[in-house]
C-alpha cells in the first residue's frame, strides 16, 4: 500500500484512488466501512453562510462503479453506506439508518431530501437519528460565520454528531473504521473523538489538506481537554 499522506496515533489518510488502494487490502481487514459515496446528482455548487460560492466539481456526475461496492464488501466485516437509495443493485444490506435533517428553506420549495438514508449490515432494523442539518442551520442553531468543527467545507458534508452517534451505536474502541470517500474527514474527526482506529482514502489533494486541518484541530482540542 502507498505511504500515508497523513497519520495520527489512531489513523492513516491515503491520497489516491480508493479502488486502487482497496485492491491491496486483505479480506475482512477492517471492522467497518463507513462511507458516503457520490450520489451521481450532478452539481456540487453550494453557498456558505458568508455567501461564498464554491466552484463546481465533476466528481458527483455519476455513482461509483460496481467493483467499488464489491471491494467494500470484501475488505470489511460490516458496512454503513450512506446514499444507499442511489445505488440499487449494488447494496446487499437490508438494515437501514434514517437521518432526519429537518430541512428548512426561505427561498421557496425545498430541492433537497428531507432525510438521508444509509444501509447498515449489523441488523435488519431501521434506526432513526434526528439532527437538523440544513445549509448552515446545525442542530437548531444558525452557524452564520461558518466556523467551528462543523463549518461547511464540502458540498455533501455530514454532521460530526451523526458519525459520533453511528460509531457509538455500532462499534467499539478496538474496531478499525475505513472511509473510502474521505472528503473533508468528518468520519476521522468522529473516530478521534471516540478513540476509534481509522483509515481514510481520498483522491482529491484539496480535500486531503482540508481534512488534515480538521483532524489536527480535533486532536489538539482533545489534548487540551486532557491537560
Foldseek 3Di string as FASTA:
>chain_A
DDDFPDDDPFETERAAQLLVVLVPAAFQQFAEEEEEWQLLPAWLWDAALVRDIDDTDGRNNDTDDLVVLVSRNGHYPKYKYKNVVSVPPSDDAQEKEKEQQCEDDPPDDDPDDRIIMIGIHPDNYYHYHYWHDYRQQTRNDRPNVQDDLRRDPGSPDDDLVVLLVVCVVPHDLAGEYEYSDCFQNSNVLSCLVRNHHYYYYHNDPVSVVNNVVSNVVSNVVVVVVVD
